[in-house]
Structures are given as C-alpha cells and as structure tokens.
Protein backbone atom coordinates (compact mmCIF):
# COMPACT_ATOMS: atom_id res chain seq x y z
CA UNK A 1 73.28 126.67 -1.63
CA UNK A 2 75.36 126.16 -4.73
CA UNK A 3 79.14 125.65 -4.55
CA UNK A 4 80.00 129.12 -5.85
CA UNK A 5 77.93 130.78 -3.12
CA UNK A 6 79.70 128.76 -0.42
CA UNK A 7 83.10 129.62 -1.87
CA UNK A 8 82.31 133.35 -1.95
CA UNK A 9 80.92 133.33 1.59
CA UNK A 10 83.92 131.36 2.87
CA UNK A 11 86.41 133.73 1.27
CA UNK A 12 84.77 136.82 2.77
CA UNK A 13 84.37 135.14 6.16
CA UNK A 14 88.06 134.22 6.20
CA UNK A 15 88.98 137.83 5.43
CA UNK A 16 86.79 139.12 8.27
CA UNK A 17 88.14 136.90 11.04
CA UNK A 18 91.82 136.60 10.11
CA UNK A 19 92.70 138.54 6.99
CA UNK A 20 94.77 141.05 8.95
CA UNK A 21 96.90 138.27 10.48
CA UNK A 22 96.98 135.53 7.86
CA UNK A 23 96.83 137.67 4.73
CA UNK A 24 95.41 136.20 1.53
CA UNK A 25 95.66 132.69 3.00
CA UNK A 26 92.63 133.45 5.18
CA UNK A 27 90.37 134.14 2.20
CA UNK A 28 91.78 131.32 0.04
CA UNK A 29 91.51 128.67 2.72
CA UNK A 30 88.19 130.12 3.86
CA UNK A 31 86.80 129.41 0.39
CA UNK A 32 88.16 125.84 0.46
CA UNK A 33 86.99 125.07 4.00
CA UNK A 34 83.50 126.37 3.24
CA UNK A 35 83.21 123.74 0.51
CA UNK A 36 84.18 120.77 2.71
CA UNK A 37 80.67 119.67 3.79
CA UNK A 38 79.62 119.18 0.17
CA UNK A 39 82.27 116.50 -0.33
CA UNK A 40 79.52 114.12 0.76
CA UNK A 41 78.55 113.94 -2.93
CA UNK A 42 81.55 111.65 -3.43
CA UNK A 43 79.70 108.89 -1.57
CA UNK A 44 76.37 109.30 -3.38
CA UNK A 45 77.14 107.01 -6.37
CA UNK A 46 77.72 104.13 -3.94
CA UNK A 47 74.35 104.52 -2.22
CA UNK A 48 70.80 103.60 -3.15
CA UNK A 49 68.89 106.46 -4.86
CA UNK A 50 66.83 107.55 -1.83
CA UNK A 51 69.75 106.93 0.52
CA UNK A 52 71.91 109.28 -1.52
CA UNK A 53 69.28 112.04 -1.33
CA UNK A 54 69.26 111.87 2.46
CA UNK A 55 73.03 111.43 2.78
CA UNK A 56 73.62 114.75 1.01
CA UNK A 57 73.40 117.46 3.64
CA UNK A 58 73.39 114.70 6.20
CA UNK A 59 76.35 113.74 8.44
CA UNK A 60 78.81 116.25 6.94
CA UNK A 61 76.34 119.09 7.48
CA UNK A 62 75.78 118.45 11.16
CA UNK A 63 76.86 120.58 14.09
CA UNK A 64 78.72 117.56 15.48
CA UNK A 65 80.73 117.17 12.27
CA UNK A 66 81.78 120.82 12.42
CA UNK A 67 82.82 120.55 16.06
CA UNK A 68 84.93 117.45 15.35
CA UNK A 69 86.62 118.63 12.17
CA UNK A 70 87.37 122.26 13.06
CA UNK A 71 90.39 121.52 15.30
CA UNK A 72 91.71 118.98 12.78
CA UNK A 73 91.49 121.47 9.91
CA UNK A 74 93.10 124.23 11.96
CA UNK A 75 95.98 121.99 13.07
CA UNK A 76 96.54 120.76 9.51
CA UNK A 77 96.81 124.33 8.24
CA UNK A 78 99.47 125.19 10.82
CA UNK A 79 101.42 122.21 9.49
CA UNK A 80 100.99 123.24 5.87
CA UNK A 81 101.92 126.85 6.67
CA UNK A 82 104.64 126.36 9.23
CA UNK A 83 105.11 130.08 9.75
CA UNK A 84 101.56 130.28 11.14
CA UNK A 85 102.02 127.77 13.98
CA UNK A 86 101.46 130.58 16.47
CA UNK A 87 98.21 131.44 14.68
CA UNK A 88 96.31 128.28 15.64
CA UNK A 89 93.51 130.36 17.20
CA UNK A 90 93.15 132.34 13.98
CA UNK A 91 92.88 129.15 11.92
CA UNK A 92 90.29 127.86 14.39
CA UNK A 93 88.27 131.02 13.79
CA UNK A 94 88.51 130.66 10.01
CA UNK A 95 87.46 127.00 10.11
CA UNK A 96 84.60 127.71 12.53
CA UNK A 97 83.16 130.62 10.61
CA UNK A 98 83.39 128.88 7.25
CA UNK A 99 81.97 125.51 8.28
CA UNK A 100 79.16 126.86 10.40
CA UNK A 101 78.27 129.45 7.75
CA UNK A 102 77.91 126.59 5.26
CA UNK A 103 75.38 124.59 7.27
CA UNK A 104 73.65 127.78 8.43
CA UNK A 105 72.96 129.09 4.93
CA UNK A 106 71.89 125.65 3.67
CA UNK A 107 69.07 125.64 6.22
CA UNK A 108 67.32 128.45 4.35
CA UNK A 109 66.41 126.55 1.17
CA UNK A 110 64.12 123.60 0.49
CA UNK A 111 66.46 120.61 0.34
CA UNK A 112 66.76 120.12 4.09
CA UNK A 113 69.88 120.01 6.26
CA UNK A 114 70.41 117.43 9.03
CA UNK A 115 72.23 119.76 11.42
CA UNK A 116 71.26 117.63 14.46
CA UNK A 117 72.59 114.34 13.05
CA UNK A 118 73.10 111.71 14.54
CA UNK A 119 70.84 112.71 17.43
CA UNK A 120 67.89 113.47 15.16
CA UNK A 121 66.95 112.77 11.54
CA UNK A 122 65.04 116.05 11.37
CA UNK A 123 66.13 118.15 8.40
CA UNK A 124 65.95 121.92 8.78
CA UNK A 125 64.51 123.69 5.72
CA UNK A 126 63.14 127.21 6.01
CA UNK A 127 62.17 127.21 2.29
CA UNK A 128 62.81 130.92 1.93
CA UNK A 129 65.71 131.17 -0.51
CA UNK A 130 66.59 129.43 -3.78
CA UNK A 131 69.56 127.11 -4.24
CA UNK A 132 71.08 129.97 -6.25
CA UNK A 133 70.17 133.55 -5.35
CA UNK A 134 71.88 136.44 -7.12
CA UNK A 135 70.87 138.98 -4.48
CA UNK A 136 72.52 136.94 -1.73
CA UNK A 137 75.90 136.53 -3.44
CA UNK A 138 76.08 139.99 -5.05
CA UNK A 139 77.61 141.72 -1.97
CA UNK A 140 80.29 139.01 -1.74
CA UNK A 141 81.20 139.38 -5.41
CA UNK A 142 81.56 143.15 -4.98
CA UNK A 143 83.65 142.67 -1.84
CA UNK A 144 86.08 140.31 -3.56
CA UNK A 145 86.41 142.69 -6.50
CA UNK A 146 87.18 145.52 -4.09
CA UNK A 147 89.94 143.43 -2.49
CA UNK A 148 91.86 143.63 -5.77
CA UNK A 149 92.34 147.37 -5.25
CA UNK A 150 92.69 147.48 -1.46
CA UNK A 151 96.02 146.63 0.14
CA UNK A 152 96.15 143.49 2.28
CA UNK A 153 96.24 143.99 6.03
CA UNK A 154 94.38 147.31 5.97
CA UNK A 155 91.27 147.93 8.04
CA UNK A 156 89.33 148.88 4.92
CA UNK A 157 89.36 145.27 3.68
CA UNK A 158 87.75 144.09 6.90
CA UNK A 159 85.19 146.90 6.72
CA UNK A 160 84.27 145.92 3.14
CA UNK A 161 84.03 142.23 4.04
CA UNK A 162 81.96 142.94 7.15
CA UNK A 163 79.60 145.16 5.18
CA UNK A 164 79.11 142.44 2.55
CA UNK A 165 78.33 139.91 5.27
CA UNK A 166 75.90 142.31 6.96
CA UNK A 167 74.07 143.02 3.70
CA UNK A 168 73.67 139.32 2.94
CA UNK A 169 72.48 138.47 6.45
CA UNK A 170 69.99 141.34 6.20
CA UNK A 171 68.79 139.92 2.89
CA UNK A 172 68.33 136.52 4.53
CA UNK A 173 66.16 138.21 7.14
CA UNK A 174 64.13 139.78 4.34
CA UNK A 175 63.51 136.37 2.75
CA UNK A 176 62.17 135.02 6.05
CA UNK A 177 59.82 138.01 6.46
CA UNK A 178 58.85 137.72 2.80
CA UNK A 179 57.91 134.06 3.23
CA UNK A 180 55.86 134.69 6.38
CA UNK A 181 54.00 137.54 4.66
CA UNK A 182 53.38 135.43 1.55
CA UNK A 183 51.98 132.49 3.51
CA UNK A 184 49.60 134.79 5.37
CA UNK A 185 48.34 136.10 2.02
CA UNK A 186 47.95 132.56 0.66
CA UNK A 187 45.94 131.47 3.70
CA UNK A 188 43.73 134.56 3.51
CA UNK A 189 43.15 133.97 -0.19
CA UNK A 190 42.25 130.30 0.35
CA UNK A 191 39.87 131.14 3.17
CA UNK A 192 38.31 133.95 1.13
CA UNK A 193 37.71 131.50 -1.74
CA UNK A 194 36.43 128.87 0.76
CA UNK A 195 39.06 126.41 -0.47
CA UNK A 196 39.69 123.60 2.00
CA UNK A 197 43.33 122.65 2.45
CA UNK A 198 45.58 120.64 4.75
CA UNK A 199 49.03 122.20 4.19
CA UNK A 200 50.76 124.78 2.05
CA UNK A 201 54.32 124.96 0.82
CA UNK A 202 55.97 128.13 -0.44
CA UNK A 203 59.41 128.13 -1.99
CA UNK A 204 61.20 130.73 -4.15
CA UNK A 205 62.36 129.92 -7.64
CA UNK A 206 66.11 130.11 -8.44
CA UNK A 207 68.03 133.38 -8.82
CA UNK A 208 65.60 135.68 -7.03
CA UNK A 209 63.17 135.97 -4.13
CA UNK A 210 60.56 137.70 -6.30
CA UNK A 211 58.80 134.67 -7.84
CA UNK A 212 57.58 131.85 -5.62
CA UNK A 213 56.21 128.37 -6.12
CA UNK A 214 53.08 127.69 -4.06
CA UNK A 215 51.84 124.16 -3.41
CA UNK A 216 48.49 123.74 -1.66
CA UNK A 217 47.58 120.27 -0.41
CA UNK A 218 44.04 119.03 0.01
CA UNK A 219 42.74 115.54 0.74
CA UNK A 220 43.20 114.20 -2.79
CA UNK A 221 46.08 116.16 -4.29
CA UNK A 222 48.02 119.38 -4.70
CA UNK A 223 47.22 122.71 -6.33
CA UNK A 224 50.19 124.39 -7.97
CA UNK A 225 50.42 128.16 -8.16
CA UNK A 226 52.96 130.90 -8.52
CA UNK A 227 53.20 134.24 -6.78
CA UNK A 228 54.90 137.33 -8.13
CA UNK A 229 56.09 139.73 -5.45
CA UNK A 230 55.88 142.73 -7.80
CA UNK A 231 52.28 142.44 -9.03
CA UNK A 232 51.22 140.42 -5.96
CA UNK A 233 49.11 138.00 -7.98
CA UNK A 234 48.51 134.35 -7.13
CA UNK A 235 47.83 132.23 -10.21
CA UNK A 236 46.72 128.63 -9.67
CA UNK A 237 47.86 126.72 -12.73
CA UNK A 238 47.69 122.96 -12.20
CA UNK A 239 46.33 120.23 -9.96
CA UNK A 240 48.24 117.02 -9.22
CA UNK A 241 46.25 114.06 -7.82
CA UNK A 242 48.14 112.20 -5.09
CA UNK A 243 47.32 108.72 -6.41
CA UNK A 244 48.76 107.21 -3.23
CA UNK A 245 46.90 103.98 -3.88
CA UNK A 246 49.59 103.24 -6.49
CA UNK A 247 52.16 102.73 -3.72
CA UNK A 248 50.41 99.81 -2.02
CA UNK A 249 53.19 97.43 -3.09
CA UNK A 250 55.94 99.76 -1.85
CA UNK A 251 54.60 101.12 1.44
CA UNK A 252 56.66 98.75 3.58
CA UNK A 253 59.84 99.19 1.57
CA UNK A 254 62.55 101.15 3.43
CA UNK A 255 63.89 102.82 0.28
CA UNK A 256 60.43 104.03 -0.74
CA UNK A 257 59.81 105.43 2.75
CA UNK A 258 63.11 107.33 2.50
CA UNK A 259 61.76 109.03 -0.61
CA UNK A 260 58.57 109.94 1.25
CA UNK A 261 60.57 111.33 4.18
CA UNK A 262 62.82 113.35 1.89
CA UNK A 263 59.80 114.89 0.11
CA UNK A 264 58.14 115.80 3.43
CA UNK A 265 54.96 114.33 2.00
CA UNK A 266 54.77 116.79 -0.92
CA UNK A 267 54.76 114.14 -3.63
CA UNK A 268 52.44 112.53 -6.11
CA UNK A 269 52.45 109.28 -8.07
CA UNK A 270 51.58 108.46 -11.67
CA UNK A 271 51.46 105.22 -13.63
CA UNK A 272 53.49 104.79 -16.80
CA UNK A 273 52.57 102.96 -19.99
CA UNK A 274 54.66 99.92 -19.01
CA UNK A 275 53.22 99.67 -15.52
CA UNK A 276 56.01 101.57 -13.76
CA UNK A 277 55.11 103.96 -10.98
CA UNK A 278 56.64 107.44 -11.09
CA UNK A 279 57.35 109.34 -7.86
CA UNK A 280 57.52 113.15 -8.16
CA UNK A 281 58.77 115.46 -5.42
CA UNK A 282 56.63 118.56 -6.03
CA UNK A 283 58.93 120.86 -4.04
CA UNK A 284 61.34 120.78 -6.99
CA UNK A 285 58.92 120.69 -9.91
CA UNK A 286 59.37 124.25 -11.16
CA UNK A 287 63.02 124.44 -12.20
CA UNK A 288 62.37 125.36 -15.81
CA UNK A 289 62.38 129.11 -15.11
CA UNK A 290 58.74 129.75 -15.94
CA UNK A 291 57.32 129.69 -12.43
CA UNK A 292 54.97 126.77 -13.08
CA UNK A 293 55.26 123.37 -11.46
CA UNK A 294 55.23 120.50 -13.95
CA UNK A 295 55.97 116.83 -13.40
CA UNK A 296 58.18 116.73 -16.50
CA UNK A 297 60.43 119.33 -14.87
CA UNK A 298 60.67 117.67 -11.46
CA UNK A 299 64.33 117.44 -10.46
CA UNK A 300 63.70 114.62 -7.99
CA UNK A 301 61.60 112.10 -9.89
CA UNK A 302 62.02 108.33 -9.61
CA UNK A 303 60.79 105.37 -11.61
CA UNK A 304 59.58 102.50 -9.38
CA UNK A 305 58.84 98.92 -10.33
CA UNK A 306 58.87 95.50 -8.75
CA UNK A 307 61.32 92.87 -9.92
CA UNK A 308 60.30 89.26 -10.60
CA UNK A 309 61.46 88.28 -7.11
CA UNK A 310 59.42 91.03 -5.46
CA UNK A 311 62.19 93.57 -4.84
CA UNK A 312 61.75 97.27 -5.48
CA UNK A 313 63.79 98.69 -8.37
CA UNK A 314 64.21 102.45 -8.14
CA UNK A 315 65.81 104.63 -10.82
CA UNK A 316 66.28 108.38 -11.06
CA UNK A 317 64.01 109.73 -13.79
CA UNK A 318 65.73 112.76 -15.29
CA UNK A 319 63.55 115.81 -15.99
CA UNK A 320 62.61 117.00 -19.45
CA UNK A 321 63.62 120.61 -19.11
CA UNK A 322 65.73 123.06 -21.03
CA UNK A 323 67.39 126.08 -19.50
CA UNK A 324 68.90 128.46 -22.06
CA UNK A 325 69.27 132.18 -22.62
CA UNK A 326 65.79 132.50 -24.10
CA UNK A 327 64.23 130.77 -21.08
CA UNK A 328 66.12 133.09 -18.74
CA UNK A 329 64.83 136.13 -20.66
CA UNK A 330 61.26 134.83 -20.34
CA UNK A 331 61.82 134.25 -16.65
CA UNK A 332 62.98 137.80 -16.00
CA UNK A 333 60.10 139.17 -18.10
CA UNK A 334 57.77 137.26 -15.82
CA UNK A 335 59.36 138.84 -12.75
CA UNK A 336 58.66 142.32 -14.12
CA UNK A 337 55.48 141.90 -16.13
CA UNK A 338 53.59 138.75 -15.09
C-alpha cells in the first residue's frame, strides 16, 4: 500500500490497543511505526535495478523482521517517554499491531511481499486491491477526524477506531470475494469463446475495486482486457506477443532472472530501434487511469543491452504516462458509464 494508507492504519491501530493508556502518543507513534518497513527504499539506489525491485518488500517486510524489531522499538519508546516505563506491554502491543498490519495489508496487492524471508523467497500477492484504494482508507480518515472532537481516554474513541478497522477488514474480504468471482467469470467467458489459455491474472486499478485489469496468457503472448464491476463487461483490447526468443543472450544472467521472478512470468519483450531489448512487466501496464494495458505506461519497464565485454546493462525505462485532473475525470466516467 502507499505510505499514507500505512500511516492512517497505524494511527488507528495505536488508538485501539493503547490509546486509553498512552494517550495521543499511541496514535502518533503507531503512524510512525507502521511506516518502518518501507524504509527499505533507502537501500534501493545502491542496488542493481532488479535487485532493488526484490529488496523492496523483502527483508523488512518479513515476519522474522517484525518479531526481532518489535521488542527493540517498544524498549526505545519507554526510554524516549520515561513516564511510560511501566507501559512496556502497551508499547509492545502498539509495535506489534502496526508492524504486522503493514505486512498484512501489503500482501493484498500485486507487488508481492516476502513475509517468509529468509526461509523462502516466495512473495505473497493476492492481487485483489490497488496500491491506493480510497474505499480502504476512507474509514480511517473519518475515524481520525472524529478524534478531533472526542476527548482522549474515552471509550468512544476506541469504539470509533475499532469500527473503522472492522469496516476496512470487511472491505478487504469483499475484494477477495470480488476477485474470486471475477476470475470465475473470466474462465467461463474464455471457455464459452473456446479461447485456449495457460494462466490469467486479475488486478484492480488504483483508487477503486470497480475496474480491473485482466491479463490472459496463451502459448505465444498475452491478451489484455478490462472488466467493469458495474456493467459487468469484459473488453479485450490488446495482444502482446511474448517474444521470449529475444532474451537468448540474457537467460543465464542472474539480474535478468530476477526480473523474470519479480514479474511472475507476466512479461513481454520488444526490440528497440538501436537493438536494445525492452522488458515490460504487464502486471503494472495500466497505470494511466484508463483501464487499458499499454507498454508505454508500464511502471516496471527496463532497457536491456549487452556491453562490448558481454555484460548485461539494465536501465529503468520510465513510462510515458500523464496523470492529471482530466485523466482522473475520464477514469471515474469509465467506472460509471463504460
């Protein structure tokens, strides 16, 4: 999820578990603690491109990391706030709720979260909620606004915070059910049209769970479609050939294989005018708020070429996309009218 979502969730979680004992410090530190795992971005500039993709939501998003850092964070807070030395258990609760909520919620979108690191490289990704989802964070925003008018230490604050958490967890459950239902419809539609396929990927676009990207893989490439939950239409828009033969020079390169692993195999290759090979992760090729996958919009695209001494040179290829107020208006029109 985005940083703002984690901050809001952490603040409300802190209020639930210790607001009555620690006061406003519980919510403030809850917001800060919930952001800790994403400090891994500090290391990304010092890593190779594909390494940095896998390092994010890697070690600092693991269950082991949370277990190790929770007591350290709690002890540090009793030192910072000397009057709360007797509240070590409460700080432990705040740190536990906020850190585990962070890695838990990250598992629901497409990026992938290595919660079992270092015991497994498997990255959990339920692909059922966007990086930013307004419906998920709305209850937390309302709860924090209510706190302005409700006296600290009262039971009502905890009731409001708990209700916000319950509503958001319920919404998460809805997104899972929504995804399962959508995939069943996609499979039925493909079988009805006698379209052969190997795998399908469904992933919601940002801001809402109402418009979804659908990627259907066959032997030679990927169909791109979008699905609107309101009018329940599936519109296949583009086809991307895999062109995997273009990677013959790179197939034994560790950095290239990291890119493949990160993409979960949902990628295609193209050849540029100067002989470079472009790698496109199709899971993130629809971030231009129109619901259609397009290689020019792919967030995770990389330019690949071999140096004179036979080494792979990999560079991030930034997408040609523009997100402005007009694009957002078109996007919300699509949700209602497409």
